[in-house]
Amino acid sequence: MNTKTVTYEYHHLGIPTTQKREGERYSPTFKMYTSGGEDSEFRVQYHRFDDDCPLHLILKTVPHVAFKVSNLDEAINGKNVVLGPYCPFEGFRVAAIIDENSGAPIEFVETNLSEEDIWMKPKGNSVIYPEEKQ
């Protein structure tokens, strides 16, 4: 695969935490709490996990950087995929890998949504937050 055909743009940083934080949103799908992102110039999010969270251990214990990519399928081709690909909400496709060189988790996002649509608006038909309505 030629990764030079995929473009990568910083999207957010996700940091696992055990501390409760103001403004947490609970995802019954992933049994995790998420806070931040929309309130940070650098889109820093915090994730806190229930003991029975089904996500890969590395996503629950190691910070991840997320990149908006031009082609998700190409970005993950031949990689060690630990999440997805899936659509957490309409117009937003996600996958996560473990980088073979660094061992770090990396998230890839493919979307044409605006940042306001991603961070500020409730998501209809959301896999992550099914109780939210647009």
N, C-alpha and C. Protein backbone atom coordinates (compact mmCIF):
# COMPACT_ATOMS: atom_id res chain seq x y z
N MET A 1 0.84 -1.19 0.00
CA MET A 1 0.00 0.00 0.00
C MET A 1 0.88 1.25 0.00
N ASN A 2 0.47 2.22 -0.73
CA ASN A 2 1.18 3.50 -0.79
C ASN A 2 0.44 4.50 0.08
N THR A 3 0.93 4.75 1.31
CA THR A 3 0.25 5.66 2.23
C THR A 3 0.37 7.11 1.80
N LYS A 4 1.20 7.39 0.82
CA LYS A 4 1.35 8.77 0.37
C LYS A 4 0.08 9.28 -0.32
N THR A 5 -0.83 8.38 -0.68
CA THR A 5 -2.08 8.81 -1.32
C THR A 5 -3.12 9.21 -0.27
N VAL A 6 -2.87 8.92 0.99
CA VAL A 6 -3.77 9.31 2.07
C VAL A 6 -3.25 10.60 2.68
N THR A 7 -4.15 11.55 2.92
CA THR A 7 -3.74 12.76 3.63
C THR A 7 -4.16 12.63 5.09
N TYR A 8 -3.34 13.16 5.98
CA TYR A 8 -3.56 13.09 7.42
C TYR A 8 -3.58 14.50 7.99
N GLU A 9 -4.61 14.81 8.77
CA GLU A 9 -4.73 16.12 9.41
C GLU A 9 -5.09 15.88 10.88
N TYR A 10 -4.36 16.53 11.78
CA TYR A 10 -4.64 16.36 13.21
C TYR A 10 -6.12 16.63 13.48
N HIS A 11 -6.73 15.77 14.31
CA HIS A 11 -8.13 15.98 14.67
C HIS A 11 -8.33 16.16 16.17
N HIS A 12 -7.81 15.25 17.00
CA HIS A 12 -7.94 15.39 18.45
C HIS A 12 -6.95 14.48 19.16
N LEU A 13 -6.84 14.69 20.45
CA LEU A 13 -6.03 13.85 21.33
C LEU A 13 -6.96 13.26 22.37
N GLY A 14 -6.91 11.95 22.55
CA GLY A 14 -7.73 11.28 23.55
C GLY A 14 -6.85 10.77 24.68
N ILE A 15 -7.23 11.10 25.92
CA ILE A 15 -6.42 10.72 27.08
C ILE A 15 -7.26 9.89 28.03
N PRO A 16 -6.84 8.65 28.32
CA PRO A 16 -7.54 7.86 29.32
C PRO A 16 -7.37 8.48 30.70
N THR A 17 -8.42 8.40 31.51
CA THR A 17 -8.36 8.93 32.86
C THR A 17 -9.21 8.07 33.79
N THR A 18 -8.93 8.15 35.06
CA THR A 18 -9.77 7.48 36.05
C THR A 18 -10.55 8.51 36.87
N GLN A 19 -10.30 9.79 36.62
CA GLN A 19 -10.95 10.86 37.37
C GLN A 19 -12.25 11.28 36.71
N LYS A 20 -13.29 11.47 37.51
CA LYS A 20 -14.54 12.04 37.00
C LYS A 20 -14.26 13.48 36.61
N ARG A 21 -14.84 13.90 35.46
CA ARG A 21 -14.61 15.26 34.98
C ARG A 21 -15.96 15.90 34.68
N GLU A 22 -16.00 17.20 34.84
CA GLU A 22 -17.21 17.96 34.56
C GLU A 22 -17.61 17.80 33.10
N GLY A 23 -18.90 17.64 32.84
CA GLY A 23 -19.41 17.57 31.48
C GLY A 23 -19.27 16.22 30.81
N GLU A 24 -18.99 15.18 31.57
CA GLU A 24 -18.86 13.85 30.98
C GLU A 24 -20.16 13.41 30.31
N ARG A 25 -20.02 12.73 29.19
CA ARG A 25 -21.15 12.10 28.50
C ARG A 25 -20.90 10.60 28.55
N TYR A 26 -21.95 9.85 28.88
CA TYR A 26 -21.80 8.40 29.00
C TYR A 26 -22.23 7.70 27.72
N SER A 27 -21.43 6.77 27.28
CA SER A 27 -21.77 5.92 26.15
C SER A 27 -22.10 4.53 26.66
N PRO A 28 -23.38 4.13 26.63
CA PRO A 28 -23.72 2.77 27.05
C PRO A 28 -23.17 1.73 26.07
N THR A 29 -22.93 2.11 24.85
CA THR A 29 -22.39 1.19 23.85
C THR A 29 -20.98 0.75 24.23
N PHE A 30 -20.13 1.72 24.58
CA PHE A 30 -18.74 1.42 24.90
C PHE A 30 -18.46 1.42 26.40
N LYS A 31 -19.48 1.71 27.20
CA LYS A 31 -19.33 1.73 28.65
C LYS A 31 -18.16 2.62 29.06
N MET A 32 -18.25 3.87 28.57
CA MET A 32 -17.20 4.85 28.85
C MET A 32 -17.79 6.24 28.93
N TYR A 33 -17.07 7.11 29.61
CA TYR A 33 -17.43 8.52 29.75
C TYR A 33 -16.43 9.34 28.94
N THR A 34 -16.92 10.36 28.25
CA THR A 34 -16.05 11.24 27.47
C THR A 34 -16.33 12.68 27.87
N SER A 35 -15.25 13.44 28.02
CA SER A 35 -15.39 14.87 28.31
C SER A 35 -14.35 15.63 27.51
N GLY A 36 -14.64 16.89 27.24
CA GLY A 36 -13.69 17.74 26.54
C GLY A 36 -13.80 17.60 25.04
N GLY A 37 -12.87 18.21 24.38
CA GLY A 37 -12.83 18.21 22.92
C GLY A 37 -13.39 19.49 22.36
N GLU A 38 -14.65 19.74 22.64
CA GLU A 38 -15.30 20.93 22.11
C GLU A 38 -14.85 22.21 22.81
N ASP A 39 -14.30 22.08 24.00
CA ASP A 39 -13.92 23.25 24.79
C ASP A 39 -12.41 23.52 24.80
N SER A 40 -11.70 22.87 23.91
CA SER A 40 -10.25 23.01 23.88
C SER A 40 -9.79 23.39 22.48
N GLU A 41 -8.95 24.38 22.41
CA GLU A 41 -8.41 24.81 21.12
C GLU A 41 -7.73 23.64 20.40
N PHE A 42 -7.17 22.73 21.17
CA PHE A 42 -6.42 21.61 20.59
C PHE A 42 -7.21 20.31 20.62
N ARG A 43 -8.51 20.41 20.96
CA ARG A 43 -9.44 19.27 20.97
C ARG A 43 -8.89 18.10 21.79
N VAL A 44 -8.64 18.38 23.05
CA VAL A 44 -8.20 17.34 23.98
C VAL A 44 -9.43 16.74 24.65
N GLN A 45 -9.57 15.44 24.55
CA GLN A 45 -10.68 14.71 25.16
C GLN A 45 -10.14 13.81 26.27
N TYR A 46 -10.99 13.55 27.25
CA TYR A 46 -10.67 12.59 28.30
C TYR A 46 -11.69 11.46 28.24
N HIS A 47 -11.21 10.24 28.43
CA HIS A 47 -12.06 9.05 28.40
C HIS A 47 -11.87 8.27 29.70
N ARG A 48 -13.00 7.99 30.34
CA ARG A 48 -13.00 7.19 31.57
C ARG A 48 -13.86 5.96 31.29
N PHE A 49 -13.39 4.79 31.70
CA PHE A 49 -13.98 3.53 31.29
C PHE A 49 -14.54 2.73 32.45
N ASP A 50 -15.72 2.14 32.23
CA ASP A 50 -16.24 1.16 33.19
C ASP A 50 -15.36 -0.09 33.14
N ASP A 51 -15.39 -0.88 34.21
CA ASP A 51 -14.57 -2.09 34.26
C ASP A 51 -14.88 -3.05 33.12
N ASP A 52 -16.11 -3.07 32.67
CA ASP A 52 -16.51 -4.01 31.62
C ASP A 52 -16.58 -3.36 30.23
N CYS A 53 -15.86 -2.27 30.04
CA CYS A 53 -15.78 -1.61 28.74
C CYS A 53 -15.21 -2.60 27.71
N PRO A 54 -15.88 -2.75 26.55
CA PRO A 54 -15.44 -3.74 25.57
C PRO A 54 -14.28 -3.31 24.67
N LEU A 55 -13.81 -2.07 24.81
CA LEU A 55 -12.74 -1.59 23.94
C LEU A 55 -11.42 -2.28 24.25
N HIS A 56 -10.53 -2.30 23.27
CA HIS A 56 -9.19 -2.88 23.40
C HIS A 56 -8.46 -2.21 24.57
N LEU A 57 -7.71 -2.98 25.31
CA LEU A 57 -6.98 -2.48 26.49
C LEU A 57 -6.11 -1.26 26.16
N ILE A 58 -5.45 -1.25 25.01
CA ILE A 58 -4.57 -0.13 24.69
C ILE A 58 -5.35 1.18 24.58
N LEU A 59 -6.59 1.13 24.10
CA LEU A 59 -7.40 2.35 23.99
C LEU A 59 -7.82 2.86 25.36
N LYS A 60 -7.87 1.95 26.34
CA LYS A 60 -8.28 2.32 27.69
C LYS A 60 -7.12 2.75 28.58
N THR A 61 -5.88 2.55 28.10
CA THR A 61 -4.73 2.80 28.97
C THR A 61 -3.66 3.73 28.40
N VAL A 62 -3.68 3.95 27.09
CA VAL A 62 -2.63 4.75 26.45
C VAL A 62 -3.29 5.90 25.67
N PRO A 63 -2.80 7.13 25.82
CA PRO A 63 -3.35 8.24 25.02
C PRO A 63 -3.25 7.94 23.52
N HIS A 64 -4.22 8.45 22.77
CA HIS A 64 -4.19 8.27 21.32
C HIS A 64 -4.31 9.62 20.63
N VAL A 65 -3.69 9.70 19.47
CA VAL A 65 -3.87 10.86 18.61
C VAL A 65 -4.81 10.43 17.50
N ALA A 66 -5.68 11.35 17.08
CA ALA A 66 -6.62 11.05 16.00
C ALA A 66 -6.34 11.98 14.83
N PHE A 67 -6.37 11.39 13.64
CA PHE A 67 -6.16 12.14 12.41
C PHE A 67 -7.38 12.02 11.52
N LYS A 68 -7.76 13.13 10.92
CA LYS A 68 -8.76 13.12 9.87
C LYS A 68 -8.03 12.66 8.61
N VAL A 69 -8.55 11.65 7.95
CA VAL A 69 -7.89 11.09 6.77
C VAL A 69 -8.78 11.22 5.55
N SER A 70 -8.14 11.24 4.40
CA SER A 70 -8.87 11.37 3.14
C SER A 70 -9.50 10.05 2.71
N ASN A 71 -8.97 8.92 3.18
CA ASN A 71 -9.49 7.62 2.82
C ASN A 71 -9.22 6.64 3.97
N LEU A 72 -10.25 6.35 4.74
CA LEU A 72 -10.10 5.49 5.93
C LEU A 72 -9.66 4.08 5.55
N ASP A 73 -10.27 3.51 4.53
CA ASP A 73 -9.92 2.14 4.15
C ASP A 73 -8.45 2.03 3.75
N GLU A 74 -7.96 3.00 3.03
CA GLU A 74 -6.56 3.02 2.64
C GLU A 74 -5.65 3.22 3.86
N ALA A 75 -6.06 4.08 4.78
CA ALA A 75 -5.25 4.39 5.96
C ALA A 75 -5.06 3.16 6.85
N ILE A 76 -6.05 2.27 6.91
CA ILE A 76 -5.95 1.10 7.79
C ILE A 76 -5.51 -0.17 7.08
N ASN A 77 -5.40 -0.11 5.76
CA ASN A 77 -5.03 -1.29 4.99
C ASN A 77 -3.68 -1.85 5.45
N GLY A 78 -3.67 -3.11 5.86
CA GLY A 78 -2.44 -3.76 6.30
C GLY A 78 -2.02 -3.43 7.72
N LYS A 79 -2.83 -2.66 8.44
CA LYS A 79 -2.50 -2.24 9.81
C LYS A 79 -3.17 -3.16 10.83
N ASN A 80 -2.70 -3.08 12.08
CA ASN A 80 -3.28 -3.84 13.18
C ASN A 80 -4.49 -3.06 13.72
N VAL A 81 -5.65 -3.34 13.16
CA VAL A 81 -6.88 -2.62 13.50
C VAL A 81 -7.45 -3.18 14.81
N VAL A 82 -7.69 -2.27 15.78
CA VAL A 82 -8.24 -2.68 17.07
C VAL A 82 -9.65 -2.14 17.33
N LEU A 83 -10.14 -1.31 16.42
CA LEU A 83 -11.50 -0.79 16.52
C LEU A 83 -11.98 -0.42 15.13
N GLY A 84 -13.17 -0.92 14.78
CA GLY A 84 -13.82 -0.54 13.54
C GLY A 84 -13.28 -1.25 12.33
N PRO A 85 -13.51 -0.62 11.18
CA PRO A 85 -14.16 0.67 11.01
C PRO A 85 -15.66 0.60 11.30
N TYR A 86 -16.18 1.71 11.79
CA TYR A 86 -17.61 1.82 12.07
C TYR A 86 -18.01 3.29 11.98
N CYS A 87 -19.31 3.53 11.96
CA CYS A 87 -19.86 4.89 11.89
C CYS A 87 -20.53 5.21 13.22
N PRO A 88 -19.87 5.99 14.08
CA PRO A 88 -20.49 6.33 15.36
C PRO A 88 -21.73 7.20 15.19
N PHE A 89 -21.76 7.98 14.12
CA PHE A 89 -22.94 8.74 13.75
C PHE A 89 -22.84 9.06 12.26
N GLU A 90 -23.96 9.45 11.70
CA GLU A 90 -24.03 9.67 10.26
C GLU A 90 -22.99 10.67 9.77
N GLY A 91 -22.26 10.28 8.71
CA GLY A 91 -21.28 11.17 8.12
C GLY A 91 -19.93 11.16 8.79
N PHE A 92 -19.70 10.20 9.69
CA PHE A 92 -18.46 10.17 10.48
C PHE A 92 -18.04 8.71 10.62
N ARG A 93 -16.91 8.36 10.01
CA ARG A 93 -16.43 6.98 10.01
C ARG A 93 -15.10 6.91 10.75
N VAL A 94 -14.92 5.88 11.57
CA VAL A 94 -13.78 5.81 12.48
C VAL A 94 -13.17 4.41 12.49
N ALA A 95 -11.87 4.36 12.70
CA ALA A 95 -11.15 3.12 12.99
C ALA A 95 -9.94 3.48 13.84
N ALA A 96 -9.44 2.50 14.58
CA ALA A 96 -8.22 2.72 15.38
C ALA A 96 -7.27 1.55 15.14
N ILE A 97 -6.00 1.88 15.13
CA ILE A 97 -4.95 0.88 14.91
C ILE A 97 -3.93 0.97 16.05
N ILE A 98 -3.07 -0.01 16.09
CA ILE A 98 -1.85 0.09 16.90
C ILE A 98 -0.71 0.27 15.90
N ASP A 99 -0.01 1.39 16.01
CA ASP A 99 1.09 1.69 15.11
C ASP A 99 2.21 0.67 15.30
N GLU A 100 2.63 0.05 14.22
CA GLU A 100 3.62 -1.03 14.32
C GLU A 100 4.99 -0.54 14.77
N ASN A 101 5.32 0.72 14.51
CA ASN A 101 6.64 1.23 14.89
C ASN A 101 6.70 1.70 16.33
N SER A 102 5.68 2.43 16.77
CA SER A 102 5.72 3.01 18.12
C SER A 102 4.93 2.20 19.14
N GLY A 103 4.00 1.38 18.68
CA GLY A 103 3.13 0.65 19.59
C GLY A 103 1.98 1.50 20.12
N ALA A 104 1.86 2.72 19.63
CA ALA A 104 0.84 3.65 20.11
C ALA A 104 -0.48 3.45 19.37
N PRO A 105 -1.60 3.68 20.07
CA PRO A 105 -2.88 3.66 19.37
C PRO A 105 -3.06 4.94 18.56
N ILE A 106 -3.59 4.78 17.37
CA ILE A 106 -3.85 5.89 16.47
C ILE A 106 -5.28 5.74 15.98
N GLU A 107 -6.04 6.82 16.02
CA GLU A 107 -7.41 6.81 15.52
C GLU A 107 -7.45 7.56 14.20
N PHE A 108 -8.24 7.03 13.27
CA PHE A 108 -8.45 7.69 11.99
C PHE A 108 -9.93 8.02 11.85
N VAL A 109 -10.21 9.20 11.32
CA VAL A 109 -11.57 9.70 11.13
C VAL A 109 -11.71 10.10 9.67
N GLU A 110 -12.77 9.63 9.03
CA GLU A 110 -13.09 10.06 7.67
C GLU A 110 -14.45 10.75 7.73
N THR A 111 -14.48 12.02 7.37
CA THR A 111 -15.73 12.78 7.42
C THR A 111 -15.65 14.02 6.56
N ASN A 112 -16.80 14.49 6.15
CA ASN A 112 -16.91 15.79 5.48
C ASN A 112 -17.69 16.76 6.36
N LEU A 113 -18.03 16.35 7.58
CA LEU A 113 -18.77 17.20 8.50
C LEU A 113 -17.89 18.36 8.96
N SER A 114 -18.53 19.48 9.29
CA SER A 114 -17.79 20.61 9.86
C SER A 114 -17.41 20.28 11.31
N GLU A 115 -16.45 20.99 11.84
CA GLU A 115 -16.06 20.78 13.23
C GLU A 115 -17.22 21.10 14.18
N GLU A 116 -18.03 22.09 13.84
CA GLU A 116 -19.20 22.40 14.66
C GLU A 116 -20.17 21.23 14.68
N ASP A 117 -20.40 20.61 13.52
CA ASP A 117 -21.29 19.45 13.47
C ASP A 117 -20.73 18.29 14.28
N ILE A 118 -19.44 18.13 14.26
CA ILE A 118 -18.80 17.02 14.99
C ILE A 118 -18.87 17.23 16.50
N TRP A 119 -18.52 18.42 16.95
CA TRP A 119 -18.33 18.64 18.38
C TRP A 119 -19.53 19.22 19.10
N MET A 120 -20.34 20.01 18.42
CA MET A 120 -21.33 20.81 19.15
C MET A 120 -22.78 20.33 19.01
N LYS A 121 -23.10 19.59 18.01
CA LYS A 121 -24.49 19.24 17.77
C LYS A 121 -24.79 17.82 18.21
N PRO A 122 -25.99 17.59 18.79
CA PRO A 122 -26.39 16.21 19.09
C PRO A 122 -26.41 15.38 17.81
N LYS A 123 -26.14 14.11 17.94
CA LYS A 123 -26.03 13.23 16.79
C LYS A 123 -27.26 12.33 16.69
N GLY A 124 -27.98 12.43 15.61
CA GLY A 124 -29.09 11.52 15.37
C GLY A 124 -28.55 10.15 14.99
N ASN A 125 -29.22 9.10 15.42
CA ASN A 125 -28.81 7.72 15.10
C ASN A 125 -27.37 7.43 15.53
N SER A 126 -26.98 7.90 16.68
CA SER A 126 -25.61 7.73 17.17
C SER A 126 -25.43 6.35 17.80
N VAL A 127 -24.41 5.65 17.37
CA VAL A 127 -24.05 4.36 17.97
C VAL A 127 -23.47 4.58 19.36
N ILE A 128 -22.73 5.66 19.53
CA ILE A 128 -22.06 5.93 20.80
C ILE A 128 -23.02 6.47 21.84
N TYR A 129 -23.86 7.41 21.44
CA TYR A 129 -24.80 8.05 22.35
C TYR A 129 -26.23 7.87 21.81
N PRO A 130 -26.77 6.66 21.89
CA PRO A 130 -28.08 6.38 21.26
C PRO A 130 -29.24 7.21 21.83
N GLU A 131 -29.09 7.76 23.03
CA GLU A 131 -30.17 8.51 23.64
C GLU A 131 -30.26 9.95 23.11
N GLU A 132 -29.22 10.43 22.42
CA GLU A 132 -29.23 11.79 21.90
C GLU A 132 -30.11 11.89 20.67
N LYS A 133 -30.81 13.00 20.55
CA LYS A 133 -31.65 13.26 19.39
C LYS A 133 -31.20 14.57 18.76
N GLN A 134 -31.31 14.65 17.44
CA GLN A 134 -30.96 15.89 16.74
C GLN A 134 -32.03 16.91 16.93
